[in-house]
Each structure stands twice: as structure tokens, then as C-alpha cells.
């Protein structure tokens, strides 16, 4: 566990670089590189506008921040949580990224279905690398387990305040998402007679199903509605939307 990568002093004030923030940055860089590489294939042939990707990244970050603020608004208002340390929510980032992708598609006249297909592996990779950051930060932690894979977290992090050892759901999620990203990228490269947009829909289903299941094994489980967490509710929404899309495209 290395929640803080570096500590240094500037102007008499101590600064630090958190591993969580570094992993988020690496996830965004990886996503950018993946999209650029995949865009070299048809129908883009290397002509994808870089500004469109920067817009999506900005919207993803904004969406994650806004969702975190709304979800924990009472804690921020009461002072129980610090405005300087905002919470990032993954489904908020996905929603913001989707809005950014839709806007970019319209602004730069990018084929939306094809655009969504090359964004799919990138999003899965970014989410997977981000989950590694969750592990280092000791957040999004799992339930207590006596299995050999159980891990103990230091008292200084959120996970350290619960009964140890814990199921490393962050690393399980990371492995799941990164393997899905690799599979999606290979499918895109090798695609044959795959209708535009279907890879995106399958990737959404892959993410949503995994997220829905893993939530049951999280110890920071937030019951939001009908016994389900906010992550599970949004996973159900994403999954149903993708299934409807697949059904409608199959009928055409």
C-alpha cells in the first residue's frame, strides 16, 4: 500500500502526489493512446480530431466530480467532508464521458456508432487502471474474508477502519476491466461483419454486469434504493439501454 507516492515542500507548505491521482492520470493517458491507435483503422484512417478526445476526458472528469458532490452533498454541506477532497464517482464519469462523446460527435461530425466502438476499449482500460488507484488509496474496499487472497490495509485509509483482512475487490475489478479492454480492442481490430455500435453495446453490458456483481462484495456498500447501491442502479440502466440498442439494431 502506497497511498502517497511523493511528498515535497513548496513555499513552506507540504505537497504530495497521491497514487490514486496518478492512476487516474495514467488511465486517461492509456485511454487516449488506445483511441488514437484504433482510429488508424477504418472508418477513421487516422483522421480523428484530437480535440474531440480532450473534450471527452474533460467531461468525464467533470461528470465524476459532479456525481460525487451530489451523492455526498449532505456531508459536504455539514462539513463532515472537505470540499478540497472531492469524491469521484465512476458512473458519473461514464455519464459525463458519454455526454462529451455525443457532443464531440456532433461538433466534429464523427460517425457516432463507430466513435463509440473505439471509445469502448479505452473506457474499460481507464476504469481498470483507476481501480488500481482505488486499491492504493484504500477506498472502494471489499468485505472481510479469511481466504488466502485477503489483504490488510493500513489504519490511515478508509479500508483500514474495518475488520481485516479484506477481499481485494479493487484489484479484481481492475483485472476484469483491463482484460475486457484488451478483448474489445482485439475484436475491433479483427472485426468481421460487426455492425457499428455493437462492440460499444457489448462493452457496456460487460462493464455493467461485472459492476453489478462486484457491488455485493464491497464493504463500503451504499444502499440507495430497493436494497441496491447507486452503482448497481446505474449498472441496470446502462445494461438495459445496451440491450435495447442491440435488440433494435438486430431488427433493422
Protein backbone atom coordinates (compact mmCIF):
# COMPACT_ATOMS: atom_id res chain seq x y z
CA UNK A 1 0.00 0.00 0.00
CA UNK A 2 1.44 3.34 -1.13
CA UNK A 3 -1.36 5.93 -0.88
CA UNK A 4 1.22 8.73 -1.23
CA UNK A 5 3.84 8.39 -3.96
CA UNK A 6 5.89 11.53 -3.22
CA UNK A 7 5.93 14.24 -0.57
CA UNK A 8 7.65 17.58 -1.10
CA UNK A 9 7.58 21.13 0.22
CA UNK A 10 6.86 24.27 -1.79
CA UNK A 11 6.96 27.67 -0.09
CA UNK A 12 6.85 26.10 3.34
CA UNK A 13 3.73 24.10 2.51
CA UNK A 14 3.83 20.32 2.20
CA UNK A 15 2.56 18.90 -1.06
CA UNK A 16 2.13 15.32 -2.15
CA UNK A 17 1.33 13.20 -5.19
CA UNK A 18 -1.28 10.53 -4.36
CA UNK A 19 -1.16 7.15 -6.09
CA UNK A 20 -4.90 7.41 -6.70
CA UNK A 21 -4.48 10.61 -8.69
CA UNK A 22 -1.52 9.19 -10.58
CA UNK A 23 -3.51 6.10 -11.58
CA UNK A 24 -6.39 8.25 -12.77
CA UNK A 25 -3.96 10.23 -14.90
CA UNK A 26 -2.40 7.04 -16.29
CA UNK A 27 -5.89 5.71 -17.05
CA UNK A 28 -6.75 8.81 -19.07
CA UNK A 29 -3.42 8.66 -20.91
CA UNK A 30 -3.96 4.98 -21.69
CA UNK A 31 -7.48 5.71 -22.96
CA UNK A 32 -6.16 8.50 -25.19
CA UNK A 33 -3.46 6.25 -26.66
CA UNK A 34 -5.88 3.37 -27.26
CA UNK A 35 -8.33 5.57 -29.15
CA UNK A 36 -5.54 7.08 -31.25
CA UNK A 37 -4.23 3.63 -32.16
CA UNK A 38 -7.63 2.20 -33.02
CA UNK A 39 -8.54 5.29 -35.03
CA UNK A 40 -5.84 4.37 -37.55
CA UNK A 41 -8.14 1.63 -38.83
CA UNK A 42 -11.27 2.23 -40.97
CA UNK A 43 -13.51 4.18 -40.95
CA UNK A 44 -11.30 6.88 -39.37
CA UNK A 45 -7.96 6.04 -41.03
CA UNK A 46 -6.02 8.26 -38.63
CA UNK A 47 -8.18 11.36 -39.21
CA UNK A 48 -9.81 11.53 -35.77
CA UNK A 49 -9.69 15.01 -34.22
CA UNK A 50 -7.60 15.14 -31.02
CA UNK A 51 -9.75 17.95 -29.65
CA UNK A 52 -12.71 15.58 -29.53
CA UNK A 53 -10.81 13.23 -27.21
CA UNK A 54 -9.77 16.08 -24.92
CA UNK A 55 -13.40 17.18 -24.69
CA UNK A 56 -14.45 13.66 -23.66
CA UNK A 57 -11.73 13.49 -21.00
CA UNK A 58 -12.81 16.87 -19.59
CA UNK A 59 -16.46 15.80 -19.49
CA UNK A 60 -15.53 12.51 -17.85
CA UNK A 61 -13.67 14.26 -15.03
CA UNK A 62 -16.47 16.82 -14.61
CA UNK A 63 -19.11 14.09 -14.51
CA UNK A 64 -17.22 12.13 -11.85
CA UNK A 65 -16.83 15.26 -9.70
CA UNK A 66 -20.46 16.36 -10.06
CA UNK A 67 -21.80 12.88 -9.24
CA UNK A 68 -19.57 12.71 -6.17
CA UNK A 69 -20.75 16.09 -4.94
CA UNK A 70 -24.44 15.27 -5.47
CA UNK A 71 -24.15 11.85 -3.83
CA UNK A 72 -22.38 13.23 -0.75
CA UNK A 73 -23.96 16.68 -0.71
CA UNK A 74 -25.20 16.45 2.92
CA UNK A 75 -21.68 15.52 4.10
CA UNK A 76 -20.09 18.40 2.18
CA UNK A 77 -22.64 20.92 3.44
CA UNK A 78 -22.35 19.76 7.06
CA UNK A 79 -18.55 19.90 6.92
CA UNK A 80 -18.13 16.16 7.51
CA UNK A 81 -16.33 16.02 4.16
CA UNK A 82 -13.86 18.56 2.77
CA UNK A 83 -14.63 20.40 -0.49
CA UNK A 84 -10.89 20.29 -1.22
CA UNK A 85 -11.01 16.50 -1.32
CA UNK A 86 -13.93 15.75 -3.67
CA UNK A 87 -15.18 12.21 -4.26
CA UNK A 88 -15.02 10.82 -7.79
CA UNK A 89 -17.89 8.52 -8.78
CA UNK A 90 -17.29 6.13 -11.69
CA UNK A 91 -20.84 6.12 -13.07
CA UNK A 92 -20.73 9.91 -13.06
CA UNK A 93 -17.56 9.78 -15.12
CA UNK A 94 -19.16 7.36 -17.58
CA UNK A 95 -22.22 9.58 -17.90
CA UNK A 96 -20.10 12.68 -18.38
CA UNK A 97 -17.90 10.89 -20.91
CA UNK A 98 -20.97 9.76 -22.86
CA UNK A 99 -22.27 13.33 -22.96
CA UNK A 100 -18.85 14.52 -24.09
CA UNK A 101 -18.70 11.85 -26.80
CA UNK A 102 -22.15 12.81 -28.07
CA UNK A 103 -21.14 16.48 -28.16
CA UNK A 104 -17.84 15.70 -29.90
CA UNK A 105 -19.62 13.53 -32.45
CA UNK A 106 -21.96 16.39 -33.28
CA UNK A 107 -19.36 19.17 -33.25
CA UNK A 108 -16.81 17.40 -35.44
CA UNK A 109 -19.32 15.32 -37.45
CA UNK A 110 -17.86 12.00 -36.28
CA UNK A 111 -19.94 8.86 -37.01
CA UNK A 112 -21.41 8.22 -33.52
CA UNK A 113 -21.64 4.42 -33.67
CA UNK A 114 -18.09 3.97 -34.98
CA UNK A 115 -16.84 6.54 -32.48
CA UNK A 116 -18.48 4.65 -29.62
CA UNK A 117 -16.81 1.42 -30.75
CA UNK A 118 -13.26 2.76 -30.48
CA UNK A 119 -14.06 4.51 -27.20
CA UNK A 120 -15.21 1.22 -25.61
CA UNK A 121 -11.77 -0.38 -25.07
CA UNK A 122 -10.44 2.98 -23.88
CA UNK A 123 -13.13 3.43 -21.25
CA UNK A 124 -12.69 -0.10 -19.92
CA UNK A 125 -8.92 0.38 -19.68
CA UNK A 126 -9.26 3.76 -17.94
CA UNK A 127 -11.73 2.32 -15.45
CA UNK A 128 -9.47 -0.68 -14.78
CA UNK A 129 -6.38 1.44 -14.14
CA UNK A 130 -8.48 3.75 -11.98
CA UNK A 131 -9.47 0.77 -9.82
CA UNK A 132 -5.79 0.15 -9.15
CA UNK A 133 -5.75 3.70 -7.81
CA UNK A 134 -8.66 2.77 -5.55
CA UNK A 135 -6.58 -0.09 -4.17
CA UNK A 136 -3.65 2.20 -3.36
CA UNK A 137 -5.99 4.77 -1.87
CA UNK A 138 -7.75 2.17 0.27
CA UNK A 139 -11.21 3.11 -0.99
CA UNK A 140 -13.96 1.06 -2.71
CA UNK A 141 -12.82 -1.81 -0.48
CA UNK A 142 -14.20 -5.31 -0.17
CA UNK A 143 -15.82 -7.34 2.58
CA UNK A 144 -13.94 -9.18 5.28
CA UNK A 145 -12.56 -12.54 4.14
CA UNK A 146 -10.46 -15.36 5.54
CA UNK A 147 -9.46 -16.52 2.08
CA UNK A 148 -5.73 -16.50 1.21
CA UNK A 149 -6.30 -13.56 -1.17
CA UNK A 150 -7.44 -11.34 1.72
CA UNK A 151 -5.37 -8.18 2.24
CA UNK A 152 -4.86 -5.88 5.22
CA UNK A 153 -4.91 -2.10 4.76
CA UNK A 154 -3.21 0.49 6.98
CA UNK A 155 -5.36 2.39 9.53
CA UNK A 156 -4.74 5.67 7.71
CA UNK A 157 -7.00 4.77 4.77
CA UNK A 158 -10.80 4.19 4.72
CA UNK A 159 -10.40 0.42 4.33
CA UNK A 160 -8.16 0.32 7.41
CA UNK A 161 -11.06 1.22 9.68
CA UNK A 162 -12.86 -2.08 9.01
CA UNK A 163 -12.27 -5.66 10.07
CA UNK A 164 -9.19 -7.07 8.32
CA UNK A 165 -8.27 -8.78 6.02
CA UNK A 166 -10.46 -7.67 3.11
CA UNK A 167 -11.36 -9.08 -0.27
CA UNK A 168 -9.32 -7.07 -2.83
CA UNK A 169 -12.32 -6.16 -5.00
CA UNK A 170 -10.39 -3.19 -6.43
CA UNK A 171 -7.78 -5.48 -7.98
CA UNK A 172 -10.42 -8.00 -9.08
CA UNK A 173 -12.31 -5.19 -10.82
CA UNK A 174 -9.09 -3.90 -12.38
CA UNK A 175 -8.20 -7.32 -13.81
CA UNK A 176 -11.74 -7.78 -15.09
CA UNK A 177 -11.89 -4.38 -16.80
CA UNK A 178 -8.39 -4.42 -18.28
CA UNK A 179 -8.91 -7.92 -19.71
CA UNK A 180 -12.21 -6.68 -21.16
CA UNK A 181 -10.42 -3.71 -22.69
CA UNK A 182 -7.86 -5.96 -24.37
CA UNK A 183 -10.60 -8.24 -25.67
CA UNK A 184 -12.64 -5.30 -27.01
CA UNK A 185 -9.58 -3.83 -28.75
CA UNK A 186 -8.77 -7.17 -30.38
CA UNK A 187 -12.36 -7.59 -31.50
CA UNK A 188 -12.29 -4.13 -33.06
CA UNK A 189 -9.02 -4.85 -34.89
CA UNK A 190 -10.20 -8.27 -36.10
CA UNK A 191 -13.84 -7.33 -36.62
CA UNK A 192 -15.68 -9.01 -39.47
CA UNK A 193 -19.27 -8.11 -40.33
CA UNK A 194 -19.72 -6.48 -36.91
CA UNK A 195 -22.32 -3.73 -37.16
CA UNK A 196 -21.18 -0.32 -35.99
CA UNK A 197 -22.09 0.35 -32.37
CA UNK A 198 -22.47 -3.28 -31.35
CA UNK A 199 -19.00 -3.52 -29.82
CA UNK A 200 -19.89 -0.50 -27.70
CA UNK A 201 -23.14 -2.13 -26.58
CA UNK A 202 -21.39 -5.39 -25.69
CA UNK A 203 -18.75 -3.45 -23.74
CA UNK A 204 -21.45 -1.64 -21.77
CA UNK A 205 -23.08 -4.97 -20.92
CA UNK A 206 -19.70 -6.41 -19.91
CA UNK A 207 -18.98 -3.47 -17.60
CA UNK A 208 -22.48 -3.25 -16.13
CA UNK A 209 -22.77 -6.96 -15.34
CA UNK A 210 -19.38 -7.02 -13.62
CA UNK A 211 -20.08 -3.84 -11.66
CA UNK A 212 -23.48 -5.09 -10.52
CA UNK A 213 -21.99 -8.32 -9.14
CA UNK A 214 -18.88 -6.82 -7.55
CA UNK A 215 -21.00 -4.34 -5.58
CA UNK A 216 -22.31 -7.19 -3.41
CA UNK A 217 -18.73 -7.83 -2.24
CA UNK A 218 -17.89 -4.23 -1.36
CA UNK A 219 -17.74 -3.27 2.30
CA UNK A 220 -18.44 0.39 1.56
CA UNK A 221 -21.73 -0.72 0.08
CA UNK A 222 -24.20 2.19 -0.20
CA UNK A 223 -27.83 1.06 -0.11
CA UNK A 224 -29.57 3.60 -2.30
CA UNK A 225 -32.93 2.18 -3.40
CA UNK A 226 -34.75 -1.19 -3.09
CA UNK A 227 -31.70 -2.66 -1.41
CA UNK A 228 -29.34 -1.76 -4.27
CA UNK A 229 -26.41 0.64 -4.37
CA UNK A 230 -26.17 3.66 -6.64
CA UNK A 231 -23.61 1.77 -8.75
CA UNK A 232 -25.99 -1.16 -9.20
CA UNK A 233 -28.90 1.07 -10.18
CA UNK A 234 -26.85 2.81 -12.84
CA UNK A 235 -25.47 -0.53 -13.99
CA UNK A 236 -29.03 -1.72 -14.51
CA UNK A 237 -29.77 1.43 -16.51
CA UNK A 238 -26.65 1.07 -18.66
CA UNK A 239 -27.25 -2.65 -19.20
CA UNK A 240 -30.90 -2.27 -20.17
CA UNK A 241 -30.07 0.59 -22.55
CA UNK A 242 -27.40 -1.51 -24.27
CA UNK A 243 -29.74 -4.50 -24.57
CA UNK A 244 -32.46 -2.32 -26.13
CA UNK A 245 -29.90 -0.95 -28.59
CA UNK A 246 -28.80 -4.47 -29.57
CA UNK A 247 -32.38 -5.58 -29.99
CA UNK A 248 -33.32 -2.61 -32.19
CA UNK A 249 -30.22 -2.90 -34.38
CA UNK A 250 -30.90 -6.63 -34.81
CA UNK A 251 -34.39 -5.86 -36.09
CA UNK A 252 -33.09 -3.46 -38.74
